[in-house]
Amino acid sequence: MTGAEWESLCDGCGRCCLVRLMDEQSGEIGTTNLACRLLEVKTCRCTDYANRAVRVPDCVKLTPELARSETWLPETCAYRRLAEGRDLPAWHPLLTGRRESTDEAGFAISDFAVSETEVEVEDEADLWDYVIE
């Protein structure tokens, strides 16, 4: 698969751009409703995709190997689904030919997420207040 083909698998849901926290003692991962500061929440698009890893050091460059091993990827994620031998969901933009189909199917974060830049936290522990799953 070429780089462009790999990138085209993204359904534009924005779920991989939600801030995640790990409980140091239990190893449990909590997903918040806070989106990365580079994500334009309404469109679920990165505002500086080419430089995201420099500007956000925690940003993960998703590879086929990671797609096979990372359990934090949503069940609906095309990268994860293909790595697990499953088909794309019927609403996926590659099947519908429409970027809006992810949002219309209810899988985009635009209805519930806020940018992490819009939230003031005094202590990193306060981020746990934003965990949604």
N, C-alpha and C. Protein backbone atom coordinates (compact mmCIF):
# COMPACT_ATOMS: atom_id res chain seq x y z
N MET A 1 0.85 -1.18 0.00
CA MET A 1 0.00 0.00 0.00
C MET A 1 0.89 1.24 0.00
N THR A 2 0.60 2.18 -0.86
CA THR A 2 1.38 3.41 -0.91
C THR A 2 1.03 4.30 0.28
N GLY A 3 1.85 5.32 0.50
CA GLY A 3 1.57 6.27 1.58
C GLY A 3 0.24 6.97 1.38
N ALA A 4 -0.05 7.35 0.15
CA ALA A 4 -1.32 8.03 -0.15
C ALA A 4 -2.50 7.09 0.09
N GLU A 5 -2.36 5.84 -0.29
CA GLU A 5 -3.44 4.87 -0.05
C GLU A 5 -3.66 4.67 1.45
N TRP A 6 -2.57 4.57 2.18
CA TRP A 6 -2.67 4.42 3.64
C TRP A 6 -3.40 5.61 4.25
N GLU A 7 -2.99 6.80 3.88
CA GLU A 7 -3.61 8.02 4.42
C GLU A 7 -5.09 8.10 4.05
N SER A 8 -5.47 7.58 2.90
CA SER A 8 -6.87 7.65 2.46
C SER A 8 -7.80 6.80 3.32
N LEU A 9 -7.24 5.91 4.12
CA LEU A 9 -8.06 5.07 5.00
C LEU A 9 -8.70 5.87 6.13
N CYS A 10 -8.14 7.01 6.45
CA CYS A 10 -8.68 7.81 7.55
C CYS A 10 -10.11 8.23 7.20
N ASP A 11 -11.05 7.95 8.11
CA ASP A 11 -12.45 8.31 7.87
C ASP A 11 -12.79 9.72 8.33
N GLY A 12 -11.82 10.38 8.97
CA GLY A 12 -12.04 11.76 9.41
C GLY A 12 -12.90 11.89 10.64
N CYS A 13 -12.95 10.87 11.48
CA CYS A 13 -13.79 10.93 12.67
C CYS A 13 -13.17 11.80 13.76
N GLY A 14 -11.84 11.88 13.81
CA GLY A 14 -11.16 12.66 14.82
C GLY A 14 -10.94 11.93 16.14
N ARG A 15 -11.42 10.72 16.27
CA ARG A 15 -11.32 10.00 17.55
C ARG A 15 -9.88 9.71 17.97
N CYS A 16 -8.99 9.54 17.01
CA CYS A 16 -7.59 9.29 17.38
C CYS A 16 -6.92 10.56 17.89
N CYS A 17 -7.55 11.71 17.69
CA CYS A 17 -7.00 12.99 18.14
C CYS A 17 -7.55 13.43 19.50
N LEU A 18 -8.34 12.58 20.14
CA LEU A 18 -8.82 12.89 21.48
C LEU A 18 -7.69 12.63 22.47
N VAL A 19 -7.59 13.48 23.47
CA VAL A 19 -6.55 13.34 24.49
C VAL A 19 -6.84 12.10 25.32
N ARG A 20 -5.81 11.28 25.50
CA ARG A 20 -5.92 10.08 26.32
C ARG A 20 -5.00 10.20 27.52
N LEU A 21 -5.46 9.61 28.60
CA LEU A 21 -4.70 9.63 29.85
C LEU A 21 -4.47 8.19 30.29
N MET A 22 -3.34 7.95 30.92
CA MET A 22 -3.08 6.62 31.44
C MET A 22 -2.90 6.70 32.95
N ASP A 23 -3.65 5.87 33.65
CA ASP A 23 -3.49 5.76 35.09
C ASP A 23 -2.19 5.00 35.32
N GLU A 24 -1.25 5.64 35.97
CA GLU A 24 0.08 5.05 36.17
C GLU A 24 0.03 3.75 36.98
N GLN A 25 -0.90 3.64 37.91
CA GLN A 25 -0.96 2.45 38.75
C GLN A 25 -1.66 1.27 38.08
N SER A 26 -2.80 1.53 37.44
CA SER A 26 -3.57 0.44 36.85
C SER A 26 -3.25 0.20 35.38
N GLY A 27 -2.68 1.21 34.71
CA GLY A 27 -2.42 1.10 33.29
C GLY A 27 -3.66 1.37 32.45
N GLU A 28 -4.78 1.68 33.11
CA GLU A 28 -6.03 1.96 32.41
C GLU A 28 -5.90 3.25 31.60
N ILE A 29 -6.46 3.21 30.40
CA ILE A 29 -6.44 4.38 29.53
C ILE A 29 -7.82 5.00 29.50
N GLY A 30 -7.86 6.30 29.75
CA GLY A 30 -9.12 7.03 29.69
C GLY A 30 -9.10 7.98 28.51
N THR A 31 -10.16 7.96 27.72
CA THR A 31 -10.30 8.86 26.58
C THR A 31 -11.15 10.04 27.01
N THR A 32 -10.67 11.23 26.74
CA THR A 32 -11.41 12.44 27.13
C THR A 32 -12.20 12.98 25.94
N ASN A 33 -13.00 14.00 26.21
CA ASN A 33 -13.69 14.70 25.12
C ASN A 33 -12.88 15.91 24.66
N LEU A 34 -11.62 15.96 25.04
CA LEU A 34 -10.73 17.04 24.65
C LEU A 34 -9.93 16.64 23.41
N ALA A 35 -10.02 17.47 22.40
CA ALA A 35 -9.30 17.20 21.15
C ALA A 35 -7.96 17.90 21.15
N CYS A 36 -7.01 17.32 20.47
CA CYS A 36 -5.69 17.91 20.29
C CYS A 36 -5.82 19.36 19.85
N ARG A 37 -4.92 20.17 20.32
CA ARG A 37 -4.97 21.60 20.02
C ARG A 37 -4.85 21.91 18.53
N LEU A 38 -4.33 20.98 17.74
CA LEU A 38 -4.20 21.20 16.31
C LEU A 38 -5.44 20.76 15.53
N LEU A 39 -6.36 20.09 16.18
CA LEU A 39 -7.54 19.60 15.47
C LEU A 39 -8.61 20.68 15.39
N GLU A 40 -9.11 20.91 14.20
CA GLU A 40 -10.27 21.77 14.00
C GLU A 40 -11.47 20.86 14.27
N VAL A 41 -12.09 21.03 15.43
CA VAL A 41 -13.11 20.10 15.91
C VAL A 41 -14.30 19.98 14.95
N LYS A 42 -14.77 21.07 14.41
CA LYS A 42 -15.96 21.03 13.55
C LYS A 42 -15.73 20.23 12.26
N THR A 43 -14.52 20.28 11.72
CA THR A 43 -14.23 19.56 10.48
C THR A 43 -13.47 18.26 10.72
N CYS A 44 -13.00 18.07 11.96
CA CYS A 44 -12.19 16.89 12.32
C CYS A 44 -10.95 16.77 11.45
N ARG A 45 -10.32 17.88 11.18
CA ARG A 45 -9.10 17.91 10.37
C ARG A 45 -7.99 18.60 11.13
N CYS A 46 -6.79 18.08 10.99
CA CYS A 46 -5.62 18.67 11.63
C CYS A 46 -5.26 19.96 10.89
N THR A 47 -4.98 20.99 11.66
CA THR A 47 -4.66 22.28 11.05
C THR A 47 -3.21 22.38 10.60
N ASP A 48 -2.37 21.43 11.02
CA ASP A 48 -0.96 21.43 10.61
C ASP A 48 -0.45 19.99 10.54
N TYR A 49 -1.12 19.19 9.72
CA TYR A 49 -0.82 17.76 9.64
C TYR A 49 0.65 17.48 9.36
N ALA A 50 1.23 18.21 8.44
CA ALA A 50 2.62 17.96 8.05
C ALA A 50 3.61 18.16 9.20
N ASN A 51 3.30 19.06 10.11
CA ASN A 51 4.22 19.38 11.22
C ASN A 51 3.69 18.94 12.58
N ARG A 52 2.67 18.11 12.61
CA ARG A 52 2.01 17.76 13.86
C ARG A 52 2.94 17.11 14.87
N ALA A 53 3.83 16.26 14.43
CA ALA A 53 4.72 15.55 15.36
C ALA A 53 5.72 16.48 16.03
N VAL A 54 6.07 17.55 15.34
CA VAL A 54 6.98 18.54 15.92
C VAL A 54 6.23 19.42 16.90
N ARG A 55 5.05 19.85 16.50
CA ARG A 55 4.27 20.76 17.34
C ARG A 55 3.59 20.07 18.51
N VAL A 56 3.28 18.78 18.35
CA VAL A 56 2.66 17.99 19.41
C VAL A 56 3.48 16.70 19.55
N PRO A 57 4.50 16.72 20.40
CA PRO A 57 5.41 15.57 20.50
C PRO A 57 4.73 14.24 20.83
N ASP A 58 3.56 14.28 21.47
CA ASP A 58 2.85 13.05 21.80
C ASP A 58 2.03 12.50 20.63
N CYS A 59 1.98 13.22 19.53
CA CYS A 59 1.20 12.79 18.37
C CYS A 59 1.80 11.50 17.83
N VAL A 60 0.94 10.53 17.58
CA VAL A 60 1.39 9.21 17.11
C VAL A 60 1.23 9.12 15.60
N LYS A 61 2.30 8.75 14.93
CA LYS A 61 2.22 8.49 13.49
C LYS A 61 1.76 7.04 13.35
N LEU A 62 0.55 6.89 12.87
CA LEU A 62 -0.04 5.56 12.78
C LEU A 62 0.57 4.77 11.62
N THR A 63 1.05 3.61 11.94
CA THR A 63 1.63 2.70 10.95
C THR A 63 0.81 1.41 10.95
N PRO A 64 0.98 0.57 9.93
CA PRO A 64 0.27 -0.72 9.94
C PRO A 64 0.60 -1.54 11.18
N GLU A 65 1.84 -1.48 11.65
CA GLU A 65 2.22 -2.23 12.84
C GLU A 65 1.47 -1.73 14.07
N LEU A 66 1.39 -0.41 14.21
CA LEU A 66 0.65 0.15 15.34
C LEU A 66 -0.84 -0.16 15.24
N ALA A 67 -1.38 -0.12 14.04
CA ALA A 67 -2.81 -0.41 13.86
C ALA A 67 -3.14 -1.83 14.31
N ARG A 68 -2.18 -2.72 14.20
CA ARG A 68 -2.40 -4.11 14.64
C ARG A 68 -2.28 -4.26 16.14
N SER A 69 -1.56 -3.36 16.80
CA SER A 69 -1.28 -3.56 18.22
C SER A 69 -1.94 -2.58 19.18
N GLU A 70 -2.35 -1.42 18.70
CA GLU A 70 -2.88 -0.40 19.60
C GLU A 70 -4.38 -0.57 19.85
N THR A 71 -4.71 -0.88 21.09
CA THR A 71 -6.11 -1.12 21.44
C THR A 71 -6.88 0.16 21.69
N TRP A 72 -6.21 1.30 21.75
CA TRP A 72 -6.92 2.57 21.96
C TRP A 72 -7.59 3.08 20.70
N LEU A 73 -7.22 2.51 19.55
CA LEU A 73 -7.89 2.91 18.31
C LEU A 73 -9.36 2.48 18.39
N PRO A 74 -10.28 3.33 17.97
CA PRO A 74 -11.70 2.97 18.05
C PRO A 74 -12.02 1.72 17.22
N GLU A 75 -13.02 0.99 17.63
CA GLU A 75 -13.46 -0.20 16.90
C GLU A 75 -13.83 0.12 15.45
N THR A 76 -14.27 1.35 15.20
CA THR A 76 -14.70 1.75 13.87
C THR A 76 -13.54 2.20 12.98
N CYS A 77 -12.36 2.37 13.54
CA CYS A 77 -11.21 2.89 12.79
C CYS A 77 -10.84 1.96 11.64
N ALA A 78 -10.76 2.54 10.44
CA ALA A 78 -10.44 1.75 9.25
C ALA A 78 -9.08 1.08 9.37
N TYR A 79 -8.11 1.78 9.95
CA TYR A 79 -6.77 1.21 10.10
C TYR A 79 -6.85 -0.05 10.97
N ARG A 80 -7.56 0.05 12.08
CA ARG A 80 -7.70 -1.08 13.00
C ARG A 80 -8.51 -2.20 12.34
N ARG A 81 -9.62 -1.84 11.70
CA ARG A 81 -10.49 -2.85 11.08
C ARG A 81 -9.72 -3.66 10.03
N LEU A 82 -8.96 -2.99 9.17
CA LEU A 82 -8.20 -3.71 8.15
C LEU A 82 -7.10 -4.55 8.77
N ALA A 83 -6.46 -4.03 9.83
CA ALA A 83 -5.42 -4.80 10.51
C ALA A 83 -5.99 -6.07 11.14
N GLU A 84 -7.27 -6.02 11.52
CA GLU A 84 -7.94 -7.17 12.13
C GLU A 84 -8.63 -8.05 11.09
N GLY A 85 -8.46 -7.72 9.80
CA GLY A 85 -9.05 -8.52 8.74
C GLY A 85 -10.53 -8.23 8.49
N ARG A 86 -11.02 -7.11 8.99
CA ARG A 86 -12.43 -6.75 8.79
C ARG A 86 -12.56 -5.74 7.65
N ASP A 87 -13.75 -5.62 7.12
CA ASP A 87 -14.04 -4.67 6.05
C ASP A 87 -14.25 -3.27 6.61
N LEU A 88 -14.24 -2.30 5.71
CA LEU A 88 -14.57 -0.93 6.09
C LEU A 88 -16.06 -0.87 6.43
N PRO A 89 -16.44 0.01 7.36
CA PRO A 89 -17.87 0.16 7.64
C PRO A 89 -18.59 0.78 6.44
N ALA A 90 -19.87 0.51 6.31
CA ALA A 90 -20.64 0.96 5.14
C ALA A 90 -20.63 2.47 4.98
N TRP A 91 -20.46 3.21 6.06
CA TRP A 91 -20.48 4.68 6.01
C TRP A 91 -19.12 5.28 5.70
N HIS A 92 -18.09 4.48 5.53
CA HIS A 92 -16.74 5.01 5.31
C HIS A 92 -16.70 5.84 4.03
N PRO A 93 -16.03 7.00 4.07
CA PRO A 93 -15.94 7.87 2.88
C PRO A 93 -15.39 7.20 1.63
N LEU A 94 -14.51 6.22 1.77
CA LEU A 94 -14.01 5.53 0.58
C LEU A 94 -15.11 4.73 -0.11
N LEU A 95 -16.12 4.32 0.66
CA LEU A 95 -17.24 3.56 0.08
C LEU A 95 -18.38 4.47 -0.38
N THR A 96 -18.59 5.55 0.36
CA THR A 96 -19.70 6.45 0.02
C THR A 96 -19.30 7.53 -0.98
N GLY A 97 -17.98 7.82 -1.02
CA GLY A 97 -17.51 8.90 -1.88
C GLY A 97 -17.78 10.28 -1.29
N ARG A 98 -18.14 10.31 0.00
CA ARG A 98 -18.49 11.57 0.65
C ARG A 98 -17.83 11.68 2.02
N ARG A 99 -17.06 12.74 2.24
CA ARG A 99 -16.40 12.96 3.54
C ARG A 99 -17.41 13.10 4.67
N GLU A 100 -18.59 13.64 4.37
CA GLU A 100 -19.59 13.89 5.41
C GLU A 100 -20.22 12.62 5.96
N SER A 101 -20.04 11.50 5.29
CA SER A 101 -20.73 10.27 5.71
C SER A 101 -20.32 9.82 7.11
N THR A 102 -19.11 10.11 7.53
CA THR A 102 -18.68 9.75 8.89
C THR A 102 -19.49 10.53 9.91
N ASP A 103 -19.64 11.81 9.69
CA ASP A 103 -20.42 12.65 10.60
C ASP A 103 -21.90 12.26 10.57
N GLU A 104 -22.43 12.05 9.39
CA GLU A 104 -23.84 11.67 9.25
C GLU A 104 -24.15 10.35 9.94
N ALA A 105 -23.19 9.45 9.97
CA ALA A 105 -23.38 8.16 10.63
C ALA A 105 -23.19 8.26 12.15
N GLY A 106 -22.77 9.43 12.63
CA GLY A 106 -22.63 9.64 14.07
C GLY A 106 -21.29 9.23 14.65
N PHE A 107 -20.27 9.11 13.82
CA PHE A 107 -18.98 8.66 14.32
C PHE A 107 -17.93 9.76 14.46
N ALA A 108 -18.23 10.96 13.99
CA ALA A 108 -17.29 12.08 14.12
C ALA A 108 -17.42 12.69 15.52
N ILE A 109 -16.33 13.26 16.00
CA ILE A 109 -16.32 13.84 17.36
C ILE A 109 -16.86 15.26 17.39
N SER A 110 -17.23 15.80 16.25
CA SER A 110 -17.63 17.21 16.17
C SER A 110 -18.82 17.57 17.05
N ASP A 111 -19.63 16.60 17.42
CA ASP A 111 -20.81 16.89 18.25
C ASP A 111 -20.52 16.95 19.75
N PHE A 112 -19.38 16.41 20.18
CA PHE A 112 -19.16 16.37 21.62
C PHE A 112 -17.78 16.84 22.08
N ALA A 113 -16.83 16.95 21.19
CA ALA A 113 -15.47 17.30 21.60
C ALA A 113 -15.26 18.81 21.64
N VAL A 114 -14.30 19.20 22.46
CA VAL A 114 -13.85 20.59 22.50
C VAL A 114 -12.33 20.57 22.41
N SER A 115 -11.76 21.63 21.89
CA SER A 115 -10.32 21.71 21.79
C SER A 115 -9.72 21.83 23.18
N GLU A 116 -8.59 21.18 23.37
CA GLU A 116 -7.91 21.28 24.67
C GLU A 116 -7.50 22.72 24.97
N THR A 117 -7.44 23.57 23.95
CA THR A 117 -7.08 24.97 24.15
C THR A 117 -8.22 25.76 24.78
N GLU A 118 -9.43 25.22 24.76
CA GLU A 118 -10.60 25.91 25.31
C GLU A 118 -10.85 25.59 26.78
N VAL A 119 -10.01 24.74 27.34
CA VAL A 119 -10.20 24.28 28.72
C VAL A 119 -9.02 24.71 29.57
N GLU A 120 -9.33 25.27 30.72
CA GLU A 120 -8.26 25.65 31.65
C GLU A 120 -8.21 24.62 32.77
N VAL A 121 -7.06 24.01 32.93
CA VAL A 121 -6.85 23.07 34.03
C VAL A 121 -5.65 23.54 34.83
N GLU A 122 -5.82 23.50 36.12
CA GLU A 122 -4.74 23.94 37.00
C GLU A 122 -3.73 22.83 37.24
N ASP A 123 -4.21 21.61 37.18
CA ASP A 123 -3.37 20.46 37.47
C ASP A 123 -3.70 19.37 36.45
N GLU A 124 -2.70 18.63 36.03
CA GLU A 124 -2.94 17.57 35.05
C GLU A 124 -3.97 16.56 35.54
N ALA A 125 -4.05 16.37 36.84
CA ALA A 125 -5.04 15.44 37.41
C ALA A 125 -6.46 15.89 37.08
N ASP A 126 -6.67 17.19 36.86
CA ASP A 126 -7.99 17.70 36.51
C ASP A 126 -8.48 17.18 35.17
N LEU A 127 -7.56 16.74 34.32
CA LEU A 127 -7.94 16.22 33.01
C LEU A 127 -8.83 14.98 33.13
N TRP A 128 -8.72 14.26 34.24
CA TRP A 128 -9.54 13.06 34.44
C TRP A 128 -11.03 13.42 34.51
N ASP A 129 -11.34 14.67 34.80
CA ASP A 129 -12.74 15.12 34.83
C ASP A 129 -13.37 15.08 33.44
N TYR A 130 -12.56 15.01 32.39
CA TYR A 130 -13.04 15.04 31.02
C TYR A 130 -13.11 13.66 30.36
N VAL A 131 -12.83 12.62 31.13
CA VAL A 131 -12.85 11.26 30.58
C VAL A 131 -14.28 10.88 30.21
N ILE A 132 -14.43 10.36 29.00
CA ILE A 132 -15.75 9.93 28.53
C ILE A 132 -15.85 8.42 28.36
N GLU A 133 -14.73 7.74 28.26
CA GLU A 133 -14.78 6.27 28.15
C GLU A 133 -13.51 5.68 28.71
